[in-house]
């Protein structure tokens, strides 16, 4: 089954539609706020020339979206599907940013829920990469239940490669209503994919760390 990189997704708060070249002015108006990027590895992305490279790559990727506030129909950010790997049953969600007015959880969480629900129609694993100094985005990943699985090195624009935290969310096995609480979680990665290991108290092969609203799972660390 192929992965549709350009769906049109709509929730209560936000709408995600595929990015087009005509979105440049509205999206750069959001991205030109330097404070959005202060913890990002490419901290000068607020500059027009730097963001232009980001924007062109986003359009050419075929998996980028603009994020629209349903209330006022204004573009408030962008995000992207990338790197679909059918052998690993995996895709990445990333390159996400929102106007600072929309920081704080609800908008990002709904955006991620929409994208995860779409991704899990095809793949078993969704991965995310966050700069190791980008504490704000790391906290946002924890809010949506992503599991930290290691460190990788990635390059952004013309900047030297930097360390990134890699996160994972697995596809749910059951409806959320049927899941018991998980109080002990251990994770390991190997060449064949991902393995989630639990205490004998929960002799089930795997639970997901993600669950559609209004349900959620809590992990102890």
N, C-alpha and C. Protein backbone atom coordinates (compact mmCIF):
# COMPACT_ATOMS: atom_id res chain seq x y z
N UNK A 1 0.85 -1.19 0.00
CA UNK A 1 0.00 0.00 0.00
C UNK A 1 0.88 1.25 0.00
N UNK A 2 0.64 2.15 -0.92
CA UNK A 2 1.45 3.37 -1.01
C UNK A 2 1.04 4.36 0.07
N UNK A 3 1.94 5.27 0.38
CA UNK A 3 1.67 6.30 1.40
C UNK A 3 1.31 7.60 0.70
N UNK A 4 0.15 8.14 1.02
CA UNK A 4 -0.30 9.42 0.48
C UNK A 4 0.37 10.54 1.26
N UNK A 5 1.36 11.20 0.64
CA UNK A 5 2.09 12.28 1.30
C UNK A 5 1.34 13.60 1.30
N UNK A 6 0.24 13.69 0.57
CA UNK A 6 -0.44 14.98 0.41
C UNK A 6 -1.93 14.90 0.72
N UNK A 7 -2.29 14.37 1.87
CA UNK A 7 -3.71 14.37 2.23
C UNK A 7 -4.16 15.76 2.65
N UNK A 8 -5.45 15.96 2.72
CA UNK A 8 -6.03 17.19 3.27
C UNK A 8 -6.67 16.80 4.59
N UNK A 9 -6.10 17.28 5.72
CA UNK A 9 -6.52 16.84 7.04
C UNK A 9 -7.14 18.01 7.80
N UNK A 10 -8.25 17.73 8.48
CA UNK A 10 -8.92 18.82 9.21
C UNK A 10 -9.40 18.33 10.56
N UNK A 11 -9.11 19.12 11.59
CA UNK A 11 -9.57 18.83 12.94
C UNK A 11 -10.44 19.96 13.45
N UNK A 12 -10.61 20.01 14.76
CA UNK A 12 -11.44 21.05 15.37
C UNK A 12 -10.74 22.41 15.33
N UNK A 13 -9.41 22.41 15.57
CA UNK A 13 -8.65 23.65 15.67
C UNK A 13 -7.91 24.01 14.41
N UNK A 14 -7.36 23.00 13.72
CA UNK A 14 -6.49 23.28 12.58
C UNK A 14 -6.85 22.45 11.36
N UNK A 15 -6.43 22.97 10.24
CA UNK A 15 -6.53 22.28 8.95
C UNK A 15 -5.13 22.18 8.38
N UNK A 16 -4.80 21.03 7.81
CA UNK A 16 -3.52 20.84 7.13
C UNK A 16 -3.79 20.59 5.66
N UNK A 17 -3.25 21.45 4.82
CA UNK A 17 -3.37 21.22 3.37
C UNK A 17 -1.98 21.28 2.75
N UNK A 18 -1.78 20.61 1.62
CA UNK A 18 -0.45 20.60 1.00
C UNK A 18 0.07 22.00 0.70
N UNK A 19 1.35 22.20 0.98
CA UNK A 19 2.03 23.47 0.71
C UNK A 19 2.15 23.71 -0.79
N UNK A 20 1.97 24.95 -1.22
CA UNK A 20 2.15 25.33 -2.61
C UNK A 20 3.09 26.53 -2.69
N UNK A 21 3.69 26.80 -3.85
CA UNK A 21 4.56 27.98 -3.99
C UNK A 21 3.85 29.29 -3.64
N UNK A 22 2.53 29.34 -3.83
CA UNK A 22 1.78 30.56 -3.57
C UNK A 22 1.68 30.87 -2.07
N UNK A 23 2.08 29.94 -1.21
CA UNK A 23 2.00 30.15 0.24
C UNK A 23 3.20 30.90 0.80
N UNK A 24 4.15 31.29 -0.05
CA UNK A 24 5.39 31.90 0.43
C UNK A 24 5.16 33.10 1.35
N UNK A 25 4.40 34.08 0.89
CA UNK A 25 4.25 35.32 1.67
C UNK A 25 3.66 35.05 3.04
N UNK A 26 2.59 34.28 3.07
CA UNK A 26 1.91 34.04 4.34
C UNK A 26 2.77 33.21 5.29
N UNK A 27 3.51 32.24 4.75
CA UNK A 27 4.31 31.38 5.62
C UNK A 27 5.56 32.11 6.10
N UNK A 28 6.18 32.91 5.24
CA UNK A 28 7.35 33.65 5.69
C UNK A 28 6.97 34.71 6.72
N UNK A 29 5.76 35.24 6.64
CA UNK A 29 5.30 36.19 7.65
C UNK A 29 5.31 35.56 9.04
N UNK A 30 5.04 34.26 9.11
CA UNK A 30 5.11 33.53 10.38
C UNK A 30 6.57 33.23 10.73
N UNK A 31 7.31 32.70 9.77
CA UNK A 31 8.67 32.22 10.01
C UNK A 31 9.67 33.33 10.28
N UNK A 32 9.35 34.57 9.95
CA UNK A 32 10.28 35.68 10.14
C UNK A 32 10.43 36.11 11.59
N UNK A 33 9.71 35.49 12.49
CA UNK A 33 9.85 35.74 13.93
C UNK A 33 11.08 34.98 14.43
N UNK A 34 12.15 35.71 14.77
CA UNK A 34 13.41 35.08 15.17
C UNK A 34 13.27 34.20 16.40
N UNK A 35 12.31 34.53 17.28
CA UNK A 35 12.17 33.77 18.53
C UNK A 35 11.67 32.35 18.29
N UNK A 36 11.03 32.11 17.17
CA UNK A 36 10.59 30.75 16.84
C UNK A 36 11.80 29.81 16.73
N UNK A 37 12.91 30.34 16.25
CA UNK A 37 14.05 29.50 15.88
C UNK A 37 15.21 29.57 16.87
N UNK A 38 15.05 30.26 17.98
CA UNK A 38 16.20 30.51 18.85
C UNK A 38 16.82 29.23 19.42
N UNK A 39 16.06 28.14 19.58
CA UNK A 39 16.62 26.89 20.07
C UNK A 39 16.86 25.87 18.96
N UNK A 40 16.52 26.22 17.74
CA UNK A 40 16.66 25.30 16.61
C UNK A 40 18.10 25.27 16.12
N UNK A 41 18.59 24.11 15.62
CA UNK A 41 19.95 24.06 15.07
C UNK A 41 20.19 25.08 13.96
N UNK A 42 19.16 25.37 13.16
CA UNK A 42 19.28 26.41 12.13
C UNK A 42 18.60 27.67 12.67
N UNK A 43 19.27 28.34 13.59
CA UNK A 43 18.65 29.43 14.34
C UNK A 43 18.46 30.70 13.52
N UNK A 44 19.03 30.77 12.31
CA UNK A 44 18.85 31.94 11.46
C UNK A 44 17.79 31.71 10.38
N UNK A 45 16.93 30.75 10.59
CA UNK A 45 15.91 30.45 9.59
C UNK A 45 14.88 31.56 9.45
N UNK A 46 14.86 32.51 10.34
CA UNK A 46 13.96 33.66 10.24
C UNK A 46 14.38 34.61 9.12
N UNK A 47 15.62 34.50 8.66
CA UNK A 47 16.11 35.35 7.58
C UNK A 47 15.53 34.89 6.24
N UNK A 48 15.19 35.84 5.39
CA UNK A 48 14.49 35.50 4.15
C UNK A 48 15.27 34.54 3.27
N UNK A 49 16.56 34.78 3.10
CA UNK A 49 17.35 33.91 2.21
C UNK A 49 17.44 32.50 2.75
N UNK A 50 17.58 32.37 4.07
CA UNK A 50 17.67 31.04 4.69
C UNK A 50 16.32 30.33 4.61
N UNK A 51 15.26 31.05 4.92
CA UNK A 51 13.94 30.42 4.87
C UNK A 51 13.54 30.07 3.44
N UNK A 52 14.04 30.83 2.46
CA UNK A 52 13.72 30.52 1.07
C UNK A 52 14.21 29.12 0.71
N UNK A 53 15.42 28.76 1.17
CA UNK A 53 15.95 27.42 0.92
C UNK A 53 15.05 26.38 1.58
N UNK A 54 14.67 26.62 2.82
CA UNK A 54 13.76 25.72 3.54
C UNK A 54 12.44 25.57 2.79
N UNK A 55 11.89 26.69 2.30
CA UNK A 55 10.58 26.68 1.63
C UNK A 55 10.64 25.90 0.32
N UNK A 56 11.68 26.13 -0.47
CA UNK A 56 11.81 25.43 -1.75
C UNK A 56 11.95 23.93 -1.52
N UNK A 57 12.77 23.55 -0.54
CA UNK A 57 12.92 22.13 -0.22
C UNK A 57 11.61 21.53 0.24
N UNK A 58 10.82 22.30 1.01
CA UNK A 58 9.53 21.81 1.48
C UNK A 58 8.58 21.54 0.32
N UNK A 59 8.51 22.49 -0.61
CA UNK A 59 7.64 22.30 -1.78
C UNK A 59 8.10 21.09 -2.59
N UNK A 60 9.41 20.99 -2.80
CA UNK A 60 9.93 19.89 -3.62
C UNK A 60 9.82 18.54 -2.94
N UNK A 61 9.72 18.51 -1.62
CA UNK A 61 9.62 17.24 -0.89
C UNK A 61 8.33 16.48 -1.21
N UNK A 62 7.29 17.22 -1.58
CA UNK A 62 6.01 16.59 -1.89
C UNK A 62 5.23 16.14 -0.67
N UNK A 63 5.74 16.43 0.54
CA UNK A 63 5.05 15.98 1.74
C UNK A 63 4.82 17.07 2.75
N UNK A 64 4.98 18.34 2.34
CA UNK A 64 4.87 19.46 3.28
C UNK A 64 3.45 20.05 3.27
N UNK A 65 3.10 20.64 4.41
CA UNK A 65 1.77 21.23 4.61
C UNK A 65 1.90 22.64 5.15
N UNK A 66 0.87 23.43 4.92
CA UNK A 66 0.65 24.62 5.74
C UNK A 66 -0.39 24.24 6.79
N UNK A 67 -0.24 24.85 7.96
CA UNK A 67 -1.17 24.65 9.06
C UNK A 67 -2.05 25.89 9.13
N UNK A 68 -3.35 25.69 9.12
CA UNK A 68 -4.31 26.79 9.06
C UNK A 68 -5.17 26.79 10.31
N UNK A 69 -5.32 27.97 10.92
CA UNK A 69 -6.22 28.14 12.06
C UNK A 69 -7.66 28.12 11.53
N UNK A 70 -8.44 27.17 11.98
CA UNK A 70 -9.81 27.06 11.47
C UNK A 70 -10.66 28.28 11.80
N UNK A 71 -10.33 28.95 12.89
CA UNK A 71 -11.16 30.06 13.33
C UNK A 71 -11.03 31.27 12.41
N UNK A 72 -9.80 31.62 12.03
CA UNK A 72 -9.62 32.81 11.20
C UNK A 72 -9.08 32.53 9.80
N UNK A 73 -8.83 31.24 9.51
CA UNK A 73 -8.35 30.80 8.20
C UNK A 73 -6.98 31.36 7.84
N UNK A 74 -6.19 31.74 8.84
CA UNK A 74 -4.84 32.22 8.59
C UNK A 74 -3.84 31.08 8.68
N UNK A 75 -2.79 31.14 7.85
CA UNK A 75 -1.68 30.20 7.93
C UNK A 75 -0.88 30.50 9.19
N UNK A 76 -0.65 29.46 10.02
CA UNK A 76 0.02 29.67 11.30
C UNK A 76 1.29 28.83 11.43
N UNK A 77 1.65 28.08 10.39
CA UNK A 77 2.86 27.26 10.49
C UNK A 77 2.92 26.23 9.38
N UNK A 78 3.83 25.28 9.57
CA UNK A 78 4.04 24.25 8.57
C UNK A 78 4.55 22.98 9.24
N UNK A 79 4.40 21.86 8.54
CA UNK A 79 4.91 20.57 9.00
C UNK A 79 5.08 19.68 7.78
N UNK A 80 5.60 18.45 7.98
CA UNK A 80 5.98 17.66 6.81
C UNK A 80 6.00 16.16 7.11
N UNK A 81 5.54 15.35 6.16
CA UNK A 81 5.86 13.92 6.11
C UNK A 81 7.11 13.76 5.26
N UNK A 82 7.97 12.80 5.65
CA UNK A 82 9.21 12.63 4.90
C UNK A 82 9.77 11.23 5.12
N UNK A 83 10.44 10.73 4.08
CA UNK A 83 11.24 9.52 4.22
C UNK A 83 10.45 8.24 4.42
N UNK A 84 9.37 8.07 3.69
CA UNK A 84 8.59 6.82 3.81
C UNK A 84 9.46 5.62 3.46
N UNK A 85 9.52 4.66 4.38
CA UNK A 85 10.32 3.44 4.20
C UNK A 85 9.40 2.23 4.38
N UNK A 86 8.92 1.65 3.27
CA UNK A 86 7.99 0.53 3.39
C UNK A 86 8.60 -0.70 4.06
N UNK A 87 9.91 -0.91 3.90
CA UNK A 87 10.54 -2.08 4.52
C UNK A 87 10.54 -1.97 6.04
N UNK A 88 10.77 -0.79 6.56
CA UNK A 88 10.72 -0.57 8.01
C UNK A 88 9.32 -0.23 8.49
N UNK A 89 8.39 -0.06 7.55
CA UNK A 89 7.04 0.41 7.87
C UNK A 89 7.13 1.68 8.72
N UNK A 90 7.79 2.70 8.15
CA UNK A 90 8.17 3.88 8.91
C UNK A 90 8.06 5.13 8.06
N UNK A 91 7.70 6.24 8.72
CA UNK A 91 7.76 7.56 8.09
C UNK A 91 8.13 8.57 9.16
N UNK A 92 8.71 9.67 8.72
CA UNK A 92 9.09 10.75 9.63
C UNK A 92 8.07 11.88 9.57
N UNK A 93 7.78 12.48 10.72
CA UNK A 93 7.07 13.75 10.80
C UNK A 93 8.05 14.78 11.34
N UNK A 94 8.18 15.90 10.66
CA UNK A 94 9.15 16.88 11.12
C UNK A 94 9.04 18.20 10.40
N UNK A 95 10.11 19.05 10.55
CA UNK A 95 10.15 20.39 9.96
C UNK A 95 8.93 21.21 10.41
N UNK A 96 8.53 21.00 11.64
CA UNK A 96 7.30 21.62 12.16
C UNK A 96 7.61 22.93 12.87
N UNK A 97 6.83 23.95 12.57
CA UNK A 97 6.88 25.17 13.37
C UNK A 97 5.51 25.83 13.36
N UNK A 98 5.23 26.53 14.44
CA UNK A 98 3.97 27.26 14.59
C UNK A 98 4.27 28.68 15.08
N UNK A 99 3.42 29.62 14.72
CA UNK A 99 3.51 30.96 15.27
C UNK A 99 3.45 30.89 16.79
N UNK A 100 4.21 31.75 17.47
CA UNK A 100 4.31 31.67 18.93
C UNK A 100 2.96 31.82 19.63
N UNK A 101 2.04 32.53 19.01
CA UNK A 101 0.70 32.68 19.58
C UNK A 101 0.03 31.34 19.81
N UNK A 102 0.45 30.32 19.04
CA UNK A 102 -0.20 29.00 19.09
C UNK A 102 0.63 27.97 19.86
N UNK A 103 1.66 28.41 20.53
CA UNK A 103 2.43 27.49 21.35
C UNK A 103 1.64 27.13 22.61
N UNK A 104 1.98 26.00 23.19
CA UNK A 104 1.36 25.65 24.47
C UNK A 104 0.66 24.31 24.47
N UNK A 105 0.56 23.65 23.30
CA UNK A 105 0.08 22.28 23.35
C UNK A 105 -1.10 21.93 22.47
N UNK A 106 -2.22 22.64 22.58
CA UNK A 106 -3.45 22.17 21.94
C UNK A 106 -3.32 22.11 20.42
N UNK A 107 -2.75 23.12 19.81
CA UNK A 107 -2.67 23.16 18.36
C UNK A 107 -1.66 22.14 17.84
N UNK A 108 -0.51 22.07 18.48
CA UNK A 108 0.49 21.09 18.08
C UNK A 108 -0.02 19.66 18.28
N UNK A 109 -0.68 19.42 19.39
CA UNK A 109 -1.18 18.08 19.68
C UNK A 109 -2.23 17.65 18.66
N UNK A 110 -3.15 18.56 18.30
CA UNK A 110 -4.15 18.17 17.31
C UNK A 110 -3.51 17.94 15.94
N UNK A 111 -2.56 18.80 15.57
CA UNK A 111 -1.87 18.63 14.30
C UNK A 111 -1.19 17.27 14.24
N UNK A 112 -0.49 16.90 15.32
CA UNK A 112 0.20 15.61 15.35
C UNK A 112 -0.80 14.46 15.34
N UNK A 113 -1.92 14.59 16.04
CA UNK A 113 -2.93 13.52 16.03
C UNK A 113 -3.47 13.29 14.63
N UNK A 114 -3.73 14.37 13.90
CA UNK A 114 -4.21 14.23 12.53
C UNK A 114 -3.19 13.50 11.66
N UNK A 115 -1.94 13.88 11.79
CA UNK A 115 -0.90 13.27 10.97
C UNK A 115 -0.63 11.83 11.38
N UNK A 116 -0.64 11.55 12.67
CA UNK A 116 -0.43 10.18 13.13
C UNK A 116 -1.55 9.26 12.68
N UNK A 117 -2.79 9.74 12.78
CA UNK A 117 -3.93 8.92 12.36
C UNK A 117 -3.81 8.58 10.87
N UNK A 118 -3.37 9.55 10.08
CA UNK A 118 -3.18 9.29 8.65
C UNK A 118 -2.03 8.31 8.43
N UNK A 119 -0.92 8.54 9.12
CA UNK A 119 0.26 7.68 8.93
C UNK A 119 -0.03 6.24 9.31
N UNK A 120 -0.76 6.03 10.39
CA UNK A 120 -1.00 4.68 10.89
C UNK A 120 -1.96 3.87 10.03
N UNK A 121 -2.51 4.48 9.00
CA UNK A 121 -3.27 3.70 8.01
C UNK A 121 -2.33 2.83 7.18
N UNK A 122 -1.03 3.22 7.17
CA UNK A 122 -0.07 2.54 6.29
C UNK A 122 1.13 1.98 7.06
N UNK A 123 1.68 2.75 8.01
CA UNK A 123 2.93 2.36 8.66
C UNK A 123 2.70 1.95 10.12
N UNK A 124 3.72 1.27 10.67
CA UNK A 124 3.70 0.87 12.07
C UNK A 124 4.47 1.83 12.96
N UNK A 125 5.40 2.59 12.38
CA UNK A 125 6.30 3.43 13.17
C UNK A 125 6.36 4.84 12.59
N UNK A 126 6.30 5.84 13.47
CA UNK A 126 6.52 7.23 13.08
C UNK A 126 7.67 7.77 13.91
N UNK A 127 8.65 8.38 13.23
CA UNK A 127 9.83 8.89 13.92
C UNK A 127 9.90 10.41 13.81
N UNK A 128 10.59 11.01 14.77
CA UNK A 128 10.76 12.45 14.86
C UNK A 128 12.21 12.73 15.25
N UNK A 129 12.77 13.86 14.79
CA UNK A 129 14.12 14.26 15.15
C UNK A 129 14.08 15.69 15.68
N UNK A 130 14.71 15.90 16.84
CA UNK A 130 14.70 17.21 17.50
C UNK A 130 16.13 17.54 17.92
N UNK A 131 16.59 18.76 17.64
CA UNK A 131 17.92 19.18 18.05
C UNK A 131 18.13 18.99 19.53
N UNK A 132 19.34 18.54 19.93
CA UNK A 132 19.55 18.19 21.33
C UNK A 132 19.55 19.40 22.25
N UNK A 133 19.65 20.62 21.70
CA UNK A 133 19.54 21.82 22.53
C UNK A 133 18.15 22.45 22.45
N UNK A 134 17.26 21.84 21.66
CA UNK A 134 15.91 22.38 21.49
C UNK A 134 14.99 21.77 22.56
N UNK A 135 15.16 22.26 23.77
CA UNK A 135 14.43 21.70 24.91
C UNK A 135 12.93 21.91 24.76
N UNK A 136 12.54 23.03 24.23
CA UNK A 136 11.11 23.32 24.07
C UNK A 136 10.44 22.27 23.19
N UNK A 137 11.05 21.93 22.06
CA UNK A 137 10.46 20.93 21.16
C UNK A 137 10.54 19.53 21.75
N UNK A 138 11.57 19.25 22.53
CA UNK A 138 11.65 17.95 23.20
C UNK A 138 10.49 17.78 24.18
N UNK A 139 10.17 18.85 24.90
CA UNK A 139 9.03 18.78 25.83
C UNK A 139 7.72 18.60 25.06
N UNK A 140 7.64 19.22 23.89
CA UNK A 140 6.44 19.06 23.07
C UNK A 140 6.30 17.61 22.61
N UNK A 141 7.43 16.96 22.29
CA UNK A 141 7.37 15.55 21.90
C UNK A 141 6.89 14.69 23.05
N UNK A 142 7.34 14.97 24.25
CA UNK A 142 6.92 14.20 25.41
C UNK A 142 5.43 14.36 25.65
N UNK A 143 4.89 15.55 25.37
CA UNK A 143 3.46 15.79 25.58
C UNK A 143 2.59 14.91 24.69
N UNK A 144 3.10 14.55 23.51
CA UNK A 144 2.29 13.71 22.62
C UNK A 144 2.63 12.23 22.78
N UNK A 145 3.47 11.90 23.77
CA UNK A 145 3.73 10.50 24.09
C UNK A 145 4.86 9.85 23.32
N UNK A 146 5.71 10.64 22.64
CA UNK A 146 6.83 10.07 21.90
C UNK A 146 7.89 9.53 22.85
N UNK A 147 8.56 8.46 22.44
CA UNK A 147 9.58 7.80 23.24
C UNK A 147 10.96 8.12 22.67
N UNK A 148 11.86 8.59 23.51
CA UNK A 148 13.23 8.87 23.10
C UNK A 148 13.96 7.55 22.88
N UNK A 149 14.56 7.37 21.69
CA UNK A 149 15.21 6.09 21.39
C UNK A 149 16.69 6.21 21.06
N UNK A 150 17.24 7.42 21.01
CA UNK A 150 18.66 7.53 20.74
C UNK A 150 19.04 8.89 20.19
N UNK A 151 20.30 9.00 19.74
CA UNK A 151 20.83 10.24 19.19
C UNK A 151 21.34 9.98 17.78
N UNK A 152 21.14 10.95 16.89
CA UNK A 152 21.65 10.87 15.53
C UNK A 152 22.26 12.22 15.17
N UNK A 153 23.02 12.25 14.08
CA UNK A 153 23.60 13.51 13.59
C UNK A 153 22.93 13.89 12.28
N UNK A 154 22.47 15.16 12.22
CA UNK A 154 21.80 15.64 11.01
C UNK A 154 22.30 17.03 10.67
N UNK A 155 22.25 17.38 9.39
CA UNK A 155 22.64 18.71 8.93
C UNK A 155 21.39 19.50 8.57
N UNK A 156 21.41 20.80 8.86
CA UNK A 156 20.30 21.70 8.53
C UNK A 156 20.85 22.86 7.69
N UNK A 157 20.33 22.97 6.46
CA UNK A 157 20.78 24.05 5.60
C UNK A 157 22.28 24.02 5.40
N UNK A 158 22.91 25.19 5.54
CA UNK A 158 24.35 25.30 5.36
C UNK A 158 25.11 25.18 6.68
N UNK A 159 24.44 24.78 7.74
CA UNK A 159 25.07 24.66 9.04
C UNK A 159 25.77 23.31 9.19
N UNK A 160 26.78 23.23 10.05
CA UNK A 160 27.45 21.95 10.29
C UNK A 160 26.48 20.94 10.89
N UNK A 161 26.72 19.65 10.70
CA UNK A 161 25.85 18.63 11.30
C UNK A 161 25.79 18.80 12.83
N UNK A 162 24.62 18.55 13.39
CA UNK A 162 24.42 18.67 14.83
C UNK A 162 23.73 17.42 15.36
N UNK A 163 23.84 17.24 16.68
CA UNK A 163 23.21 16.09 17.32
C UNK A 163 21.71 16.33 17.47
N UNK A 164 20.94 15.27 17.17
CA UNK A 164 19.49 15.31 17.30
C UNK A 164 19.01 14.14 18.14
N UNK A 165 17.98 14.38 18.91
CA UNK A 165 17.31 13.32 19.65
C UNK A 165 16.30 12.66 18.71
N UNK A 166 16.32 11.34 18.65
CA UNK A 166 15.36 10.60 17.83
C UNK A 166 14.24 10.06 18.72
N UNK A 167 13.01 10.30 18.29
CA UNK A 167 11.82 9.86 19.02
C UNK A 167 11.01 8.91 18.15
N UNK A 168 10.22 8.07 18.81
CA UNK A 168 9.39 7.08 18.12
C UNK A 168 7.99 7.03 18.73
N UNK A 169 7.01 6.89 17.86
CA UNK A 169 5.64 6.56 18.27
C UNK A 169 5.20 5.36 17.44
N UNK A 170 4.70 4.32 18.11
CA UNK A 170 4.22 3.11 17.44
C UNK A 170 2.73 3.17 17.17
N UNK A 171 2.31 2.42 16.17
CA UNK A 171 0.90 2.29 15.86
C UNK A 171 0.18 1.55 16.99
N UNK A 172 -1.01 2.04 17.40
CA UNK A 172 -1.78 1.32 18.43
C UNK A 172 -2.17 -0.07 17.95
N UNK A 173 -2.23 -1.02 18.88
CA UNK A 173 -2.68 -2.38 18.56
C UNK A 173 -4.16 -2.56 18.80
N UNK A 174 -4.71 -1.78 19.73
CA UNK A 174 -6.12 -1.91 20.09
C UNK A 174 -6.74 -0.54 20.17
N UNK A 175 -8.07 -0.48 20.35
CA UNK A 175 -8.69 0.79 20.62
C UNK A 175 -8.25 1.27 21.99
N UNK A 176 -8.17 2.56 22.15
CA UNK A 176 -7.62 3.12 23.38
C UNK A 176 -8.45 2.73 24.60
N UNK A 177 -9.75 2.59 24.41
CA UNK A 177 -10.59 2.25 25.55
C UNK A 177 -10.20 0.91 26.17
N UNK A 178 -9.58 0.03 25.39
CA UNK A 178 -9.25 -1.29 25.88
C UNK A 178 -7.88 -1.41 26.50
N UNK A 179 -7.13 -0.31 26.57
CA UNK A 179 -5.76 -0.41 27.05
C UNK A 179 -5.67 -0.24 28.55
N UNK A 180 -4.97 -1.12 29.25
CA UNK A 180 -4.70 -0.89 30.66
C UNK A 180 -3.57 0.12 30.80
N UNK A 181 -3.38 0.66 31.99
CA UNK A 181 -2.26 1.56 32.24
C UNK A 181 -0.96 0.77 32.21
N UNK A 182 0.06 1.37 31.69
CA UNK A 182 1.38 0.74 31.66
C UNK A 182 2.26 1.47 32.66
N UNK A 183 2.82 0.76 33.62
CA UNK A 183 3.59 1.41 34.67
C UNK A 183 5.08 1.17 34.54
N UNK A 184 5.49 0.28 33.63
CA UNK A 184 6.92 0.04 33.45
C UNK A 184 7.18 -0.16 31.97
N UNK A 185 8.14 0.59 31.43
CA UNK A 185 8.41 0.51 30.00
C UNK A 185 9.92 0.47 29.77
N UNK A 186 10.34 -0.46 28.94
CA UNK A 186 11.73 -0.50 28.51
C UNK A 186 11.75 -0.61 27.00
N UNK A 187 12.67 0.09 26.36
CA UNK A 187 12.69 0.17 24.90
C UNK A 187 14.05 -0.25 24.38
N UNK A 188 14.07 -0.96 23.27
CA UNK A 188 15.34 -1.28 22.62
C UNK A 188 15.16 -1.20 21.11
N UNK A 189 16.22 -0.82 20.43
CA UNK A 189 16.20 -0.77 18.96
C UNK A 189 17.23 -1.75 18.44
N UNK A 190 16.93 -2.38 17.29
CA UNK A 190 17.87 -3.31 16.69
C UNK A 190 17.80 -3.19 15.18
N UNK A 191 18.63 -3.95 14.50
CA UNK A 191 18.72 -3.84 13.05
C UNK A 191 17.43 -4.23 12.35
N UNK A 192 16.61 -5.02 13.01
CA UNK A 192 15.36 -5.49 12.40
C UNK A 192 14.18 -4.57 12.68
N UNK A 193 14.41 -3.52 13.46
CA UNK A 193 13.31 -2.60 13.75
C UNK A 193 13.30 -2.21 15.21
N UNK A 194 12.11 -2.13 15.80
CA UNK A 194 11.94 -1.62 17.13
C UNK A 194 11.32 -2.68 18.03
N UNK A 195 11.74 -2.73 19.27
CA UNK A 195 11.17 -3.65 20.24
C UNK A 195 10.82 -2.89 21.51
N UNK A 196 9.61 -3.03 21.97
CA UNK A 196 9.20 -2.44 23.24
C UNK A 196 9.02 -3.57 24.24
N UNK A 197 9.69 -3.47 25.35
CA UNK A 197 9.70 -4.54 26.34
C UNK A 197 9.03 -4.05 27.61
N UNK A 198 8.15 -4.88 28.20
CA UNK A 198 7.41 -4.47 29.38
C UNK A 198 7.62 -5.44 30.51
N UNK A 199 7.25 -5.02 31.68
CA UNK A 199 7.39 -5.87 32.86
C UNK A 199 6.44 -7.05 32.76
N UNK A 200 6.72 -8.16 33.48
CA UNK A 200 5.85 -9.34 33.43
C UNK A 200 4.41 -9.04 33.83
N UNK A 201 4.23 -7.94 34.54
CA UNK A 201 2.87 -7.56 34.94
C UNK A 201 1.98 -7.33 33.73
N UNK A 202 2.59 -6.96 32.61
CA UNK A 202 1.83 -6.69 31.39
C UNK A 202 2.36 -7.58 30.27
N UNK A 203 1.95 -8.85 30.21
CA UNK A 203 2.50 -9.81 29.24
C UNK A 203 1.91 -9.64 27.84
N UNK A 204 1.88 -8.38 27.36
CA UNK A 204 1.37 -8.09 26.03
C UNK A 204 2.56 -7.64 25.19
N UNK A 205 2.58 -8.02 23.94
CA UNK A 205 3.77 -7.79 23.13
C UNK A 205 4.10 -6.32 22.97
N UNK A 206 3.09 -5.48 22.80
CA UNK A 206 3.38 -4.07 22.57
C UNK A 206 2.15 -3.22 22.81
N UNK A 207 2.37 -2.06 23.41
CA UNK A 207 1.36 -1.01 23.48
C UNK A 207 1.89 0.22 22.77
N UNK A 208 1.02 1.03 22.26
CA UNK A 208 1.46 2.26 21.64
C UNK A 208 1.58 3.35 22.68
N UNK A 209 2.47 4.31 22.39
CA UNK A 209 2.59 5.47 23.26
C UNK A 209 1.67 6.61 22.79
N UNK A 210 0.96 6.39 21.68
CA UNK A 210 0.08 7.42 21.15
C UNK A 210 -1.36 6.94 21.17
N UNK A 211 -2.28 7.86 21.40
CA UNK A 211 -3.68 7.50 21.46
C UNK A 211 -4.50 8.71 21.03
N UNK A 212 -5.52 8.54 20.18
CA UNK A 212 -6.30 9.69 19.75
C UNK A 212 -7.01 10.34 20.92
N UNK A 213 -7.23 11.66 20.85
CA UNK A 213 -8.00 12.36 21.87
C UNK A 213 -9.39 11.74 21.93
N UNK A 214 -10.03 11.68 23.10
CA UNK A 214 -9.59 12.28 24.36
C UNK A 214 -8.78 11.33 25.24
N UNK A 215 -8.33 10.19 24.72
CA UNK A 215 -7.63 9.23 25.54
C UNK A 215 -6.12 9.45 25.45
N UNK A 216 -5.40 9.03 26.48
CA UNK A 216 -3.95 9.11 26.45
C UNK A 216 -3.38 8.06 27.39
N UNK A 217 -2.13 7.74 27.20
CA UNK A 217 -1.43 6.81 28.07
C UNK A 217 -0.28 7.53 28.76
N UNK A 218 -0.01 7.20 29.99
CA UNK A 218 1.10 7.78 30.72
C UNK A 218 2.21 6.76 30.90
N UNK A 219 3.44 7.19 30.68
CA UNK A 219 4.59 6.31 30.84
C UNK A 219 5.40 6.76 32.04
N UNK A 220 5.84 5.81 32.86
CA UNK A 220 6.78 6.15 33.91
C UNK A 220 8.18 6.04 33.34
N UNK A 221 9.13 6.80 33.87
CA UNK A 221 10.48 6.82 33.31
C UNK A 221 11.47 6.29 34.35
